[in-house]
Amino acid sequence: MNNPKEYMYLDDKFYKSIKEVLEESRKRIYRNIQSEMVQAYWQIGKMIVEKQGGESRAKYGDGLIKELSIRMTEDFGKGFSLSNIKYMKQFYLMFPKSHAVRGQLSWTHYRLILSLDDEKARDFYINEAIEGNWSTRQLEREIHTFSYQRYIASKGNYDVVEDTAKKEPSFDPKDIIKDPYVLEFAGLKPDSSFYESDLEKALITHLNEFLLELGSGFAFVARQRRFDMDGRNFYVDLVLYNYKLKCFVLIDLKRGDLTHQDIGQMRMYVNYYTRELMEPGDNPPIGIILSADKSDTLVKYTLPIDNKQIYASKYMLYLPREEDLQNEMNKQIRLFNEKENNK
């Protein structure tokens, strides 16, 4: 193997700074190309709809699109299949005002968003994808795991979708807690025998996917974080930090049903972090207990009425059917309405 070439005048630090300038420039060029492509496809969709006689008639007659696909493929190569041109037409019909098209997203992002019929859902994923700098793979996962539906279910109100990307968040942990969490990426079968340590190991192995499932703003801190109390050792399964809420997030994993002892243990963890490990500027830590199942009544009467630090959520080891998820959302909405009626 040849030794690296030595330079008399060019040091590594200077060359690295030159390299960074070029790489950043390439990134900007790529983003501009993506933005221009999206605008061009929107314009093509607009022209097709207008050629077909406007929106009311654009749903019929694909002859124009078929011929357009053939000629454009001959002139420009791949990228102008019949289905892709139909997407361009659909793109314009869904976003008839050009200023609604956000240049930060690529055409592949929009292809995924076009599968959504609900306008509020589209707005939600667009805002979150831009705010979180989501890749197309991450956006696809968020859509397939029904992040929007779970967000709405947790609020219990289908008429209100907050633009979380534009607002400076106040400290409200409920905004980041999901129920349930879908952990199908862990590769554990629901009917198999495994220990809590196996689940923990699987989450660490697939840490990136786990952080995506938790939501935006999470960073990994430690696994099996030990602290001493009167000569006894205690271990927090996972410690994270949420830079949006500016607080530690402690996660405890439970293989079976949740018990009041589990909640008491988490309260002790949270109290310790609150009194011993909070830094100036931090908000109080929150604890999330992930269990295979839980009793909402048990959680309600174990925690104080004004609880804002400890939360219990179920985890699912497979992606539920849409019917199952709808039932879960209906349950959450029913509980929310009962709570409101009892106020």
C-alpha atoms as a PDB file:
ATOM      1  CA  MET A   1       0.000   0.000   0.000  1.00  0.00           C
ATOM      2  CA  ASN A   2       1.410   3.404  -0.973  1.00  0.00           C
ATOM      3  CA  ASN A   3       2.047   5.979   1.723  1.00  0.00           C
ATOM      4  CA  PRO A   4      -0.092   9.132   1.623  1.00  0.00           C
ATOM      5  CA  LYS A   5       1.491  11.883  -0.399  1.00  0.00           C
ATOM      6  CA  GLU A   6       3.066  14.637   1.678  1.00  0.00           C
ATOM      7  CA  TYR A   7       2.492  18.269   0.710  1.00  0.00           C
ATOM      8  CA  MET A   8       4.889  21.099   1.447  1.00  0.00           C
ATOM      9  CA  TYR A   9       2.441  24.018   1.479  1.00  0.00           C
ATOM     10  CA  LEU A  10      -1.000  22.409   1.938  1.00  0.00           C
ATOM     11  CA  ASP A  11      -1.861  21.409   5.496  1.00  0.00           C
ATOM     12  CA  ASP A  12      -4.827  19.141   6.360  1.00  0.00           C
ATOM     13  CA  LYS A  13      -6.802  21.798   8.253  1.00  0.00           C
ATOM     14  CA  PHE A  14      -6.741  24.233   5.338  1.00  0.00           C
ATOM     15  CA  TYR A  15      -7.660  21.528   2.845  1.00  0.00           C
ATOM     16  CA  LYS A  16     -10.562  20.402   5.070  1.00  0.00           C
ATOM     17  CA  SER A  17     -11.976  23.938   5.103  1.00  0.00           C
ATOM     18  CA  ILE A  18     -11.752  24.084   1.275  1.00  0.00           C
ATOM     19  CA  LYS A  19     -13.431  20.696   1.030  1.00  0.00           C
ATOM     20  CA  GLU A  20     -16.284  21.808   3.319  1.00  0.00           C
ATOM     21  CA  VAL A  21     -16.958  24.834   1.117  1.00  0.00           C
ATOM     22  CA  LEU A  22     -17.261  22.618  -1.952  1.00  0.00           C
ATOM     23  CA  GLU A  23     -19.442  20.034  -0.211  1.00  0.00           C
ATOM     24  CA  GLU A  24     -21.817  22.698   1.110  1.00  0.00           C
ATOM     25  CA  SER A  25     -22.025  24.193  -2.354  1.00  0.00           C
ATOM     26  CA  ARG A  26     -22.906  20.807  -3.819  1.00  0.00           C
ATOM     27  CA  LYS A  27     -25.641  20.372  -1.204  1.00  0.00           C
ATOM     28  CA  ARG A  28     -27.131  23.760  -2.085  1.00  0.00           C
ATOM     29  CA  ILE A  29     -27.019  22.929  -5.777  1.00  0.00           C
ATOM     30  CA  TYR A  30     -28.746  19.601  -5.121  1.00  0.00           C
ATOM     31  CA  ARG A  31     -31.456  21.298  -3.034  1.00  0.00           C
ATOM     32  CA  ASN A  32     -31.992  23.888  -5.750  1.00  0.00           C
ATOM     33  CA  ILE A  33     -32.277  21.160  -8.394  1.00  0.00           C
ATOM     34  CA  GLN A  34     -34.846  19.332  -6.262  1.00  0.00           C
ATOM     35  CA  SER A  35     -36.814  22.537  -5.725  1.00  0.00           C
ATOM     36  CA  GLU A  36     -36.766  23.416  -9.434  1.00  0.00           C
ATOM     37  CA  MET A  37     -37.879  19.889 -10.324  1.00  0.00           C
ATOM     38  CA  VAL A  38     -40.844  20.114  -7.953  1.00  0.00           C
ATOM     39  CA  GLN A  39     -41.870  23.472  -9.427  1.00  0.00           C
ATOM     40  CA  ALA A  40     -41.523  22.128 -12.970  1.00  0.00           C
ATOM     41  CA  TYR A  41     -43.687  19.085 -12.192  1.00  0.00           C
ATOM     42  CA  TRP A  42     -46.324  21.345 -10.626  1.00  0.00           C
ATOM     43  CA  GLN A  43     -46.308  23.492 -13.773  1.00  0.00           C
ATOM     44  CA  ILE A  44     -46.636  20.400 -16.003  1.00  0.00           C
ATOM     45  CA  GLY A  45     -49.581  19.218 -13.898  1.00  0.00           C
ATOM     46  CA  LYS A  46     -51.229  22.620 -14.245  1.00  0.00           C
ATOM     47  CA  MET A  47     -50.786  22.617 -18.021  1.00  0.00           C
ATOM     48  CA  ILE A  48     -52.276  19.105 -18.323  1.00  0.00           C
ATOM     49  CA  VAL A  49     -55.347  20.037 -16.263  1.00  0.00           C
ATOM     50  CA  GLU A  50     -55.878  23.200 -18.284  1.00  0.00           C
ATOM     51  CA  LYS A  51     -55.428  21.286 -21.566  1.00  0.00           C
ATOM     52  CA  GLN A  52     -58.065  18.800 -20.473  1.00  0.00           C
ATOM     53  CA  GLY A  53     -60.554  21.568 -19.818  1.00  0.00           C
ATOM     54  CA  GLY A  54     -60.047  22.393 -16.151  1.00  0.00           C
ATOM     55  CA  GLU A  55     -60.388  20.521 -12.887  1.00  0.00           C
ATOM     56  CA  SER A  56     -63.961  19.351 -13.437  1.00  0.00           C
ATOM     57  CA  ARG A  57     -62.990  17.537 -16.655  1.00  0.00           C
ATOM     58  CA  ALA A  58     -59.395  16.627 -15.794  1.00  0.00           C
ATOM     59  CA  LYS A  59     -60.489  13.410 -14.085  1.00  0.00           C
ATOM     60  CA  TYR A  60     -61.359  11.854 -17.427  1.00  0.00           C
ATOM     61  CA  GLY A  61     -59.457  11.021 -20.569  1.00  0.00           C
ATOM     62  CA  ASP A  62     -55.930   9.669 -20.139  1.00  0.00           C
ATOM     63  CA  GLY A  63     -55.136   9.687 -23.858  1.00  0.00           C
ATOM     64  CA  LEU A  64     -53.263  12.961 -23.560  1.00  0.00           C
ATOM     65  CA  ILE A  65     -51.197  11.662 -20.658  1.00  0.00           C
ATOM     66  CA  LYS A  66     -50.292   8.429 -22.469  1.00  0.00           C
ATOM     67  CA  GLU A  67     -49.034  10.276 -25.541  1.00  0.00           C
ATOM     68  CA  LEU A  68     -47.245  12.824 -23.371  1.00  0.00           C
ATOM     69  CA  SER A  69     -45.457  10.015 -21.510  1.00  0.00           C
ATOM     70  CA  ILE A  70     -44.247   8.449 -24.758  1.00  0.00           C
ATOM     71  CA  ARG A  71     -42.882  11.681 -26.253  1.00  0.00           C
ATOM     72  CA  MET A  72     -41.309  12.967 -23.041  1.00  0.00           C
ATOM     73  CA  THR A  73     -39.598   9.628 -22.439  1.00  0.00           C
ATOM     74  CA  GLU A  74     -38.169   9.798 -25.965  1.00  0.00           C
ATOM     75  CA  ASP A  75     -36.867  13.345 -25.404  1.00  0.00           C
ATOM     76  CA  PHE A  76     -35.887  13.279 -21.721  1.00  0.00           C
ATOM     77  CA  GLY A  77     -35.439   9.631 -20.779  1.00  0.00           C
ATOM     78  CA  LYS A  78     -36.593   8.060 -17.529  1.00  0.00           C
ATOM     79  CA  GLY A  79     -38.829   9.848 -15.057  1.00  0.00           C
ATOM     80  CA  PHE A  80     -41.814  10.414 -17.297  1.00  0.00           C
ATOM     81  CA  SER A  81     -43.685   7.162 -17.001  1.00  0.00           C
ATOM     82  CA  LEU A  82     -47.452   7.157 -17.273  1.00  0.00           C
ATOM     83  CA  SER A  83     -47.832   6.874 -13.502  1.00  0.00           C
ATOM     84  CA  ASN A  84     -45.372   9.694 -12.802  1.00  0.00           C
ATOM     85  CA  ILE A  85     -47.154  12.094 -15.132  1.00  0.00           C
ATOM     86  CA  LYS A  86     -50.438  11.178 -13.467  1.00  0.00           C
ATOM     87  CA  TYR A  87     -48.782  12.126 -10.192  1.00  0.00           C
ATOM     88  CA  MET A  88     -47.898  15.532 -11.667  1.00  0.00           C
ATOM     89  CA  LYS A  89     -51.518  16.080 -12.576  1.00  0.00           C
ATOM     90  CA  GLN A  90     -52.651  14.970  -9.113  1.00  0.00           C
ATOM     91  CA  PHE A  91     -49.971  17.203  -7.590  1.00  0.00           C
ATOM     92  CA  TYR A  92     -51.494  20.294  -9.163  1.00  0.00           C
ATOM     93  CA  LEU A  93     -55.050  19.257  -8.265  1.00  0.00           C
ATOM     94  CA  MET A  94     -54.053  18.835  -4.606  1.00  0.00           C
ATOM     95  CA  PHE A  95     -51.957  22.014  -4.511  1.00  0.00           C
ATOM     96  CA  PRO A  96     -53.627  24.391  -7.007  1.00  0.00           C
ATOM     97  CA  LYS A  97     -51.778  27.403  -5.569  1.00  0.00           C
ATOM     98  CA  SER A  98     -48.084  27.410  -6.306  1.00  0.00           C
ATOM     99  CA  HIS A  99     -47.136  29.168  -3.065  1.00  0.00           C
ATOM    100  CA  ALA A 100     -48.471  26.128  -1.161  1.00  0.00           C
ATOM    101  CA  VAL A 101     -45.664  24.021  -2.658  1.00  0.00           C
ATOM    102  CA  ARG A 102     -42.725  23.999  -0.250  1.00  0.00           C
ATOM    103  CA  GLY A 103     -39.345  23.976  -1.921  1.00  0.00           C
ATOM    104  CA  GLN A 104     -37.623  22.214   0.968  1.00  0.00           C
ATOM    105  CA  LEU A 105     -39.187  18.877  -0.009  1.00  0.00           C
ATOM    106  CA  SER A 106     -38.216  16.699  -2.937  1.00  0.00           C
ATOM    107  CA  TRP A 107     -40.520  15.193  -5.541  1.00  0.00           C
ATOM    108  CA  THR A 108     -40.260  11.827  -3.772  1.00  0.00           C
ATOM    109  CA  HIS A 109     -41.521  13.467  -0.564  1.00  0.00           C
ATOM    110  CA  TYR A 110     -44.512  14.820  -2.451  1.00  0.00           C
ATOM    111  CA  ARG A 111     -45.159  11.476  -4.133  1.00  0.00           C
ATOM    112  CA  LEU A 112     -45.627   9.994  -0.653  1.00  0.00           C
ATOM    113  CA  ILE A 113     -47.804  12.882   0.521  1.00  0.00           C
ATOM    114  CA  LEU A 114     -50.074  12.544  -2.522  1.00  0.00           C
ATOM    115  CA  SER A 115     -51.290   9.230  -1.101  1.00  0.00           C
ATOM    116  CA  LEU A 116     -53.066  11.137   1.680  1.00  0.00           C
ATOM    117  CA  ASP A 117     -56.642  12.250   1.107  1.00  0.00           C
ATOM    118  CA  ASP A 118     -56.909  14.308   4.291  1.00  0.00           C
ATOM    119  CA  GLU A 119     -55.698  17.870   3.749  1.00  0.00           C
ATOM    120  CA  LYS A 120     -54.881  18.334   7.441  1.00  0.00           C
ATOM    121  CA  ALA A 121     -52.809  15.158   7.390  1.00  0.00           C
ATOM    122  CA  ARG A 122     -50.898  16.432   4.355  1.00  0.00           C
ATOM    123  CA  ASP A 123     -50.193  19.739   6.100  1.00  0.00           C
ATOM    124  CA  PHE A 124     -49.057  17.896   9.230  1.00  0.00           C
ATOM    125  CA  TYR A 125     -46.552  15.678   7.413  1.00  0.00           C
ATOM    126  CA  ILE A 126     -45.266  18.540   5.251  1.00  0.00           C
ATOM    127  CA  ASN A 127     -44.605  20.744   8.286  1.00  0.00           C
ATOM    128  CA  GLU A 128     -43.036  17.942  10.313  1.00  0.00           C
ATOM    129  CA  ALA A 129     -40.881  16.750   7.401  1.00  0.00           C
ATOM    130  CA  ILE A 130     -39.493  20.244   6.885  1.00  0.00           C
ATOM    131  CA  GLU A 131     -39.013  20.945  10.596  1.00  0.00           C
ATOM    132  CA  GLY A 132     -37.386  17.576  11.260  1.00  0.00           C
ATOM    133  CA  ASN A 133     -35.451  17.441   7.986  1.00  0.00           C
ATOM    134  CA  TRP A 134     -36.994  14.026   7.328  1.00  0.00           C
ATOM    135  CA  SER A 135     -35.608  11.783   4.642  1.00  0.00           C
ATOM    136  CA  THR A 136     -38.120  10.182   2.293  1.00  0.00           C
ATOM    137  CA  ARG A 137     -37.622   6.902   4.128  1.00  0.00           C
ATOM    138  CA  GLN A 138     -38.464   8.541   7.443  1.00  0.00           C
ATOM    139  CA  LEU A 139     -41.523  10.259   5.974  1.00  0.00           C
ATOM    140  CA  GLU A 140     -42.726   6.940   4.585  1.00  0.00           C
ATOM    141  CA  ARG A 141     -42.341   5.325   7.989  1.00  0.00           C
ATOM    142  CA  GLU A 142     -44.195   8.141   9.747  1.00  0.00           C
ATOM    143  CA  ILE A 143     -47.103   7.785   7.311  1.00  0.00           C
ATOM    144  CA  HIS A 144     -47.204   3.993   7.542  1.00  0.00           C
ATOM    145  CA  THR A 145     -47.177   4.055  11.353  1.00  0.00           C
ATOM    146  CA  PHE A 146     -50.070   6.567  11.363  1.00  0.00           C
ATOM    147  CA  SER A 147     -48.203   9.319  13.204  1.00  0.00           C
ATOM    148  CA  TYR A 148     -50.830  11.898  12.289  1.00  0.00           C
ATOM    149  CA  GLN A 149     -53.719   9.743  13.473  1.00  0.00           C
ATOM    150  CA  ARG A 150     -51.958   8.981  16.738  1.00  0.00           C
ATOM    151  CA  TYR A 151     -51.194  12.661  17.206  1.00  0.00           C
ATOM    152  CA  ILE A 152     -54.849  13.528  16.760  1.00  0.00           C
ATOM    153  CA  ALA A 153     -55.996  10.672  18.977  1.00  0.00           C
ATOM    154  CA  SER A 154     -53.725  11.858  21.763  1.00  0.00           C
ATOM    155  CA  LYS A 155     -55.327  15.301  21.575  1.00  0.00           C
ATOM    156  CA  GLY A 156     -58.836  13.897  21.242  1.00  0.00           C
ATOM    157  CA  ASN A 157     -59.873  16.550  18.757  1.00  0.00           C
ATOM    158  CA  TYR A 158     -60.000  15.980  15.014  1.00  0.00           C
ATOM    159  CA  ASP A 159     -60.635  19.656  14.302  1.00  0.00           C
ATOM    160  CA  VAL A 160     -57.389  21.018  15.711  1.00  0.00           C
ATOM    161  CA  VAL A 161     -53.964  20.267  14.262  1.00  0.00           C
ATOM    162  CA  GLU A 162     -51.285  22.523  15.674  1.00  0.00           C
ATOM    163  CA  ASP A 163     -48.444  23.629  13.455  1.00  0.00           C
ATOM    164  CA  THR A 164     -45.746  22.263  15.719  1.00  0.00           C
ATOM    165  CA  ALA A 165     -43.017  23.170  13.250  1.00  0.00           C
ATOM    166  CA  LYS A 166     -43.511  26.932  13.586  1.00  0.00           C
ATOM    167  CA  LYS A 167     -44.252  27.382  17.261  1.00  0.00           C
ATOM    168  CA  GLU A 168     -41.696  27.707  20.011  1.00  0.00           C
ATOM    169  CA  PRO A 169     -42.814  24.826  22.217  1.00  0.00           C
ATOM    170  CA  SER A 170     -43.771  25.431  25.820  1.00  0.00           C
ATOM    171  CA  PHE A 171     -42.967  22.759  28.363  1.00  0.00           C
ATOM    172  CA  ASP A 172     -45.828  20.328  27.899  1.00  0.00           C
ATOM    173  CA  PRO A 173     -44.600  16.714  27.806  1.00  0.00           C
ATOM    174  CA  LYS A 174     -48.015  15.523  26.622  1.00  0.00           C
ATOM    175  CA  ASP A 175     -47.110  16.959  23.218  1.00  0.00           C
ATOM    176  CA  ILE A 176     -44.420  14.320  22.699  1.00  0.00           C
ATOM    177  CA  ILE A 177     -45.982  11.251  24.330  1.00  0.00           C
ATOM    178  CA  LYS A 178     -47.473   8.633  22.023  1.00  0.00           C
ATOM    179  CA  ASP A 179     -49.738   5.765  22.966  1.00  0.00           C
ATOM    180  CA  PRO A 180     -49.106   3.214  21.605  1.00  0.00           C
ATOM    181  CA  TYR A 181     -45.542   3.083  20.311  1.00  0.00           C
ATOM    182  CA  VAL A 182     -44.990   0.754  17.360  1.00  0.00           C
ATOM    183  CA  LEU A 183     -41.685  -1.135  17.678  1.00  0.00           C
ATOM    184  CA  GLU A 184     -41.945  -3.537  14.744  1.00  0.00           C
ATOM    185  CA  PHE A 185     -38.393  -2.636  13.688  1.00  0.00           C
ATOM    186  CA  ALA A 186     -37.114  -4.414  16.824  1.00  0.00           C
ATOM    187  CA  GLY A 187     -37.768  -7.778  15.158  1.00  0.00           C
ATOM    188  CA  LEU A 188     -39.324  -9.403  18.241  1.00  0.00           C
ATOM    189  CA  LYS A 189     -42.412 -11.556  17.731  1.00  0.00           C
ATOM    190  CA  PRO A 190     -45.379 -10.900  20.042  1.00  0.00           C
ATOM    191  CA  ASP A 191     -45.903 -14.607  20.708  1.00  0.00           C
ATOM    192  CA  SER A 192     -42.239 -15.338  21.446  1.00  0.00           C
ATOM    193  CA  SER A 193     -40.564 -15.508  24.835  1.00  0.00           C
ATOM    194  CA  PHE A 194     -38.103 -12.683  25.495  1.00  0.00           C
ATOM    195  CA  TYR A 195     -36.794 -10.661  28.422  1.00  0.00           C
ATOM    196  CA  GLU A 196     -36.893  -6.921  28.989  1.00  0.00           C
ATOM    197  CA  SER A 197     -33.153  -6.906  28.343  1.00  0.00           C
ATOM    198  CA  ASP A 198     -33.816  -8.408  24.885  1.00  0.00           C
ATOM    199  CA  LEU A 199     -36.201  -5.565  24.076  1.00  0.00           C
ATOM    200  CA  GLU A 200     -33.692  -3.029  25.362  1.00  0.00           C
ATOM    201  CA  LYS A 201     -30.918  -4.558  23.255  1.00  0.00           C
ATOM    202  CA  ALA A 202     -33.146  -4.539  20.166  1.00  0.00           C
ATOM    203  CA  LEU A 203     -33.994  -0.853  20.673  1.00  0.00           C
ATOM    204  CA  ILE A 204     -30.315   0.037  21.018  1.00  0.00           C
ATOM    205  CA  THR A 205     -29.455  -2.024  17.926  1.00  0.00           C
ATOM    206  CA  HIS A 206     -32.103  -0.097  15.999  1.00  0.00           C
ATOM    207  CA  LEU A 207     -31.532   3.167  17.858  1.00  0.00           C
ATOM    208  CA  ASN A 208     -32.149   5.419  14.859  1.00  0.00           C
ATOM    209  CA  GLU A 209     -35.526   3.801  14.148  1.00  0.00           C
ATOM    210  CA  PHE A 210     -36.422   3.988  17.837  1.00  0.00           C
ATOM    211  CA  LEU A 211     -35.651   7.710  18.010  1.00  0.00           C
ATOM    212  CA  LEU A 212     -37.773   8.264  14.902  1.00  0.00           C
ATOM    213  CA  GLU A 213     -40.673   6.434  16.526  1.00  0.00           C
ATOM    214  CA  LEU A 214     -40.366   8.533  19.683  1.00  0.00           C
ATOM    215  CA  GLY A 215     -40.675  11.749  17.671  1.00  0.00           C
ATOM    216  CA  SER A 216     -38.588  14.829  16.993  1.00  0.00           C
ATOM    217  CA  GLY A 217     -36.025  16.328  19.325  1.00  0.00           C
ATOM    218  CA  PHE A 218     -34.721  13.159  21.013  1.00  0.00           C
ATOM    219  CA  ALA A 219     -31.059  12.362  21.573  1.00  0.00           C
ATOM    220  CA  PHE A 220     -29.604   9.239  23.181  1.00  0.00           C
ATOM    221  CA  VAL A 221     -27.730   9.709  26.485  1.00  0.00           C
ATOM    222  CA  ALA A 222     -27.199   6.360  28.178  1.00  0.00           C
ATOM    223  CA  ARG A 223     -28.300   2.752  28.575  1.00  0.00           C
ATOM    224  CA  GLN A 224     -28.659   1.138  32.022  1.00  0.00           C
ATOM    225  CA  ARG A 225     -27.698   4.400  33.713  1.00  0.00           C
ATOM    226  CA  ARG A 226     -26.689   3.541  37.278  1.00  0.00           C
ATOM    227  CA  PHE A 227     -27.086   5.706  40.357  1.00  0.00           C
ATOM    228  CA  ASP A 228     -26.491   4.931  44.034  1.00  0.00           C
ATOM    229  CA  MET A 229     -28.852   5.562  46.920  1.00  0.00           C
ATOM    230  CA  ASP A 230     -27.886   4.574  50.466  1.00  0.00           C
ATOM    231  CA  GLY A 231     -25.575   1.870  49.184  1.00  0.00           C
ATOM    232  CA  ARG A 232     -28.121   0.420  46.756  1.00  0.00           C
ATOM    233  CA  ASN A 233     -27.716   0.513  42.980  1.00  0.00           C
ATOM    234  CA  PHE A 234     -30.574   1.468  40.663  1.00  0.00           C
ATOM    235  CA  TYR A 235     -30.590   1.352  36.867  1.00  0.00           C
ATOM    236  CA  VAL A 236     -32.634   3.361  34.386  1.00  0.00           C
ATOM    237  CA  ASP A 237     -33.127   1.299  31.218  1.00  0.00           C
ATOM    238  CA  LEU A 238     -32.710   4.200  28.776  1.00  0.00           C
ATOM    239  CA  VAL A 239     -31.903   7.866  29.296  1.00  0.00           C
ATOM    240  CA  LEU A 240     -32.597  10.349  26.514  1.00  0.00           C
ATOM    241  CA  TYR A 241     -32.690  14.121  26.235  1.00  0.00           C
ATOM    242  CA  ASN A 242     -35.287  16.103  24.323  1.00  0.00           C
ATOM    243  CA  TYR A 243     -33.749  19.355  23.145  1.00  0.00           C
ATOM    244  CA  LYS A 244     -37.139  20.858  22.268  1.00  0.00           C
ATOM    245  CA  LEU A 245     -38.567  20.364  25.747  1.00  0.00           C
ATOM    246  CA  LYS A 246     -35.094  20.828  27.266  1.00  0.00           C
ATOM    247  CA  CYS A 247     -35.390  17.922  29.665  1.00  0.00           C
ATOM    248  CA  PHE A 248     -34.159  14.411  30.380  1.00  0.00           C
ATOM    249  CA  VAL A 249     -36.473  11.597  29.307  1.00  0.00           C
ATOM    250  CA  LEU A 250     -36.195   8.382  31.327  1.00  0.00           C
ATOM    251  CA  ILE A 251     -37.579   5.195  29.803  1.00  0.00           C
ATOM    252  CA  ASP A 252     -38.341   1.989  31.669  1.00  0.00           C
ATOM    253  CA  LEU A 253     -39.234  -1.170  29.719  1.00  0.00           C
ATOM    254  CA  LYS A 254     -41.733  -3.718  31.034  1.00  0.00           C
ATOM    255  CA  ARG A 255     -42.302  -7.113  29.447  1.00  0.00           C
ATOM    256  CA  GLY A 256     -45.771  -7.694  30.923  1.00  0.00           C
ATOM    257  CA  ASP A 257     -48.592  -5.668  32.421  1.00  0.00           C
ATOM    258  CA  LEU A 258     -47.903  -2.407  34.188  1.00  0.00           C
ATOM    259  CA  THR A 259     -48.153  -2.414  38.001  1.00  0.00           C
ATOM    260  CA  HIS A 260     -48.373   0.387  40.550  1.00  0.00           C
ATOM    261  CA  GLN A 261     -44.897  -0.668  41.779  1.00  0.00           C
ATOM    262  CA  ASP A 262     -43.528   0.092  38.294  1.00  0.00           C
ATOM    263  CA  ILE A 263     -45.021   3.577  38.465  1.00  0.00           C
ATOM    264  CA  GLY A 264     -43.599   4.097  41.953  1.00  0.00           C
ATOM    265  CA  GLN A 265     -40.160   3.073  40.735  1.00  0.00           C
ATOM    266  CA  MET A 266     -40.330   5.579  37.884  1.00  0.00           C
ATOM    267  CA  ARG A 267     -41.403   8.314  40.292  1.00  0.00           C
ATOM    268  CA  MET A 268     -38.248   7.614  42.287  1.00  0.00           C
ATOM    269  CA  TYR A 269     -36.098   7.813  39.126  1.00  0.00           C
ATOM    270  CA  VAL A 270     -37.691  11.110  38.096  1.00  0.00           C
ATOM    271  CA  ASN A 271     -37.343  12.605  41.576  1.00  0.00           C
ATOM    272  CA  TYR A 272     -33.664  11.656  41.684  1.00  0.00           C
ATOM    273  CA  TYR A 273     -32.943  13.250  38.300  1.00  0.00           C
ATOM    274  CA  THR A 274     -34.949  16.330  39.299  1.00  0.00           C
ATOM    275  CA  ARG A 275     -32.989  16.897  42.493  1.00  0.00           C
ATOM    276  CA  GLU A 276     -29.538  15.666  41.539  1.00  0.00           C
ATOM    277  CA  LEU A 277     -28.924  15.814  37.787  1.00  0.00           C
ATOM    278  CA  MET A 278     -30.891  18.734  36.349  1.00  0.00           C
ATOM    279  CA  GLU A 279     -28.692  21.430  34.860  1.00  0.00           C
ATOM    280  CA  PRO A 280     -29.456  25.168  34.916  1.00  0.00           C
ATOM    281  CA  GLY A 281     -31.939  25.864  32.122  1.00  0.00           C
ATOM    282  CA  ASP A 282     -33.326  22.310  32.114  1.00  0.00           C
ATOM    283  CA  ASN A 283     -37.019  21.629  32.578  1.00  0.00           C
ATOM    284  CA  PRO A 284     -38.042  18.863  35.011  1.00  0.00           C
ATOM    285  CA  PRO A 285     -37.337  15.378  33.632  1.00  0.00           C
ATOM    286  CA  ILE A 286     -40.143  13.131  32.472  1.00  0.00           C
ATOM    287  CA  GLY A 287     -40.458   9.368  32.722  1.00  0.00           C
ATOM    288  CA  ILE A 288     -42.083   7.042  30.197  1.00  0.00           C
ATOM    289  CA  ILE A 289     -42.925   3.465  31.143  1.00  0.00           C
ATOM    290  CA  LEU A 290     -43.291   1.266  28.066  1.00  0.00           C
ATOM    291  CA  SER A 291     -45.246  -1.901  28.815  1.00  0.00           C
ATOM    292  CA  ALA A 292     -46.941  -4.605  26.803  1.00  0.00           C
ATOM    293  CA  ASP A 293     -50.258  -3.661  28.406  1.00  0.00           C
ATOM    294  CA  LYS A 294     -51.582  -1.299  31.042  1.00  0.00           C
ATOM    295  CA  SER A 295     -54.670  -0.362  32.983  1.00  0.00           C
ATOM    296  CA  ASP A 296     -55.610   3.269  32.453  1.00  0.00           C
ATOM    297  CA  THR A 297     -57.521   3.200  35.735  1.00  0.00           C
ATOM    298  CA  LEU A 298     -54.456   1.967  37.625  1.00  0.00           C
ATOM    299  CA  VAL A 299     -52.339   4.717  36.086  1.00  0.00           C
ATOM    300  CA  LYS A 300     -54.983   7.348  36.881  1.00  0.00           C
ATOM    301  CA  TYR A 301     -55.188   6.524  40.587  1.00  0.00           C
ATOM    302  CA  THR A 302     -51.488   5.853  41.118  1.00  0.00           C
ATOM    303  CA  LEU A 303     -50.347   9.213  39.766  1.00  0.00           C
ATOM    304  CA  PRO A 304     -51.301  12.609  41.241  1.00  0.00           C
ATOM    305  CA  ILE A 305     -54.022  14.637  39.520  1.00  0.00           C
ATOM    306  CA  ASP A 306     -51.574  17.354  38.484  1.00  0.00           C
ATOM    307  CA  ASN A 307     -49.013  14.865  37.110  1.00  0.00           C
ATOM    308  CA  LYS A 308     -46.826  16.284  34.365  1.00  0.00           C
ATOM    309  CA  GLN A 309     -43.752  14.096  34.671  1.00  0.00           C
ATOM    310  CA  ILE A 310     -44.679  10.404  34.484  1.00  0.00           C
ATOM    311  CA  TYR A 311     -46.446   8.698  31.592  1.00  0.00           C
ATOM    312  CA  ALA A 312     -47.345   5.127  30.742  1.00  0.00           C
ATOM    313  CA  SER A 313     -47.675   3.916  27.154  1.00  0.00           C
ATOM    314  CA  LYS A 314     -48.176   0.566  25.519  1.00  0.00           C
ATOM    315  CA  TYR A 315     -45.790  -0.746  22.916  1.00  0.00           C
ATOM    316  CA  MET A 316     -46.714  -2.904  19.939  1.00  0.00           C
ATOM    317  CA  LEU A 317     -44.240  -5.294  18.334  1.00  0.00           C
ATOM    318  CA  TYR A 318     -45.997  -5.209  14.980  1.00  0.00           C
ATOM    319  CA  LEU A 319     -47.713  -2.601  12.859  1.00  0.00           C
ATOM    320  CA  PRO A 320     -51.419  -2.804  13.680  1.00  0.00           C
ATOM    321  CA  ARG A 321     -54.055  -3.089  11.029  1.00  0.00           C
ATOM    322  CA  GLU A 322     -55.809   0.160  10.200  1.00  0.00           C
ATOM    323  CA  GLU A 323     -58.976  -1.285  11.760  1.00  0.00           C
ATOM    324  CA  ASP A 324     -57.147  -1.983  15.031  1.00  0.00           C
ATOM    325  CA  LEU A 325     -55.638   1.482  15.081  1.00  0.00           C
ATOM    326  CA  GLN A 326     -59.026   3.069  14.405  1.00  0.00           C
ATOM    327  CA  ASN A 327     -60.462   1.175  17.377  1.00  0.00           C
ATOM    328  CA  GLU A 328     -57.591   2.414  19.529  1.00  0.00           C
ATOM    329  CA  MET A 329     -58.152   5.996  18.384  1.00  0.00           C
ATOM    330  CA  ASN A 330     -61.882   5.724  19.082  1.00  0.00           C
ATOM    331  CA  LYS A 331     -61.034   4.518  22.573  1.00  0.00           C
ATOM    332  CA  GLN A 332     -58.710   7.466  23.174  1.00  0.00           C
ATOM    333  CA  ILE A 333     -61.305   9.943  21.894  1.00  0.00           C
ATOM    334  CA  ARG A 334     -64.028   8.365  24.041  1.00  0.00           C
ATOM    335  CA  LEU A 335     -61.834   8.645  27.142  1.00  0.00           C
ATOM    336  CA  PHE A 336     -61.052  12.256  26.277  1.00  0.00           C
ATOM    337  CA  ASN A 337     -64.741  13.111  25.862  1.00  0.00           C
ATOM    338  CA  GLU A 338     -65.612  11.404  29.160  1.00  0.00           C
ATOM    339  CA  LYS A 339     -62.909  13.397  30.881  1.00  0.00           C
ATOM    340  CA  GLU A 340     -64.230  16.646  29.381  1.00  0.00           C
ATOM    341  CA  ASN A 341     -67.810  15.839  30.376  1.00  0.00           C
ATOM    342  CA  ASN A 342     -66.760  15.165  33.970  1.00  0.00           C
ATOM    343  CA  LYS A 343     -65.094  18.543  34.370  1.00  0.00           C
END
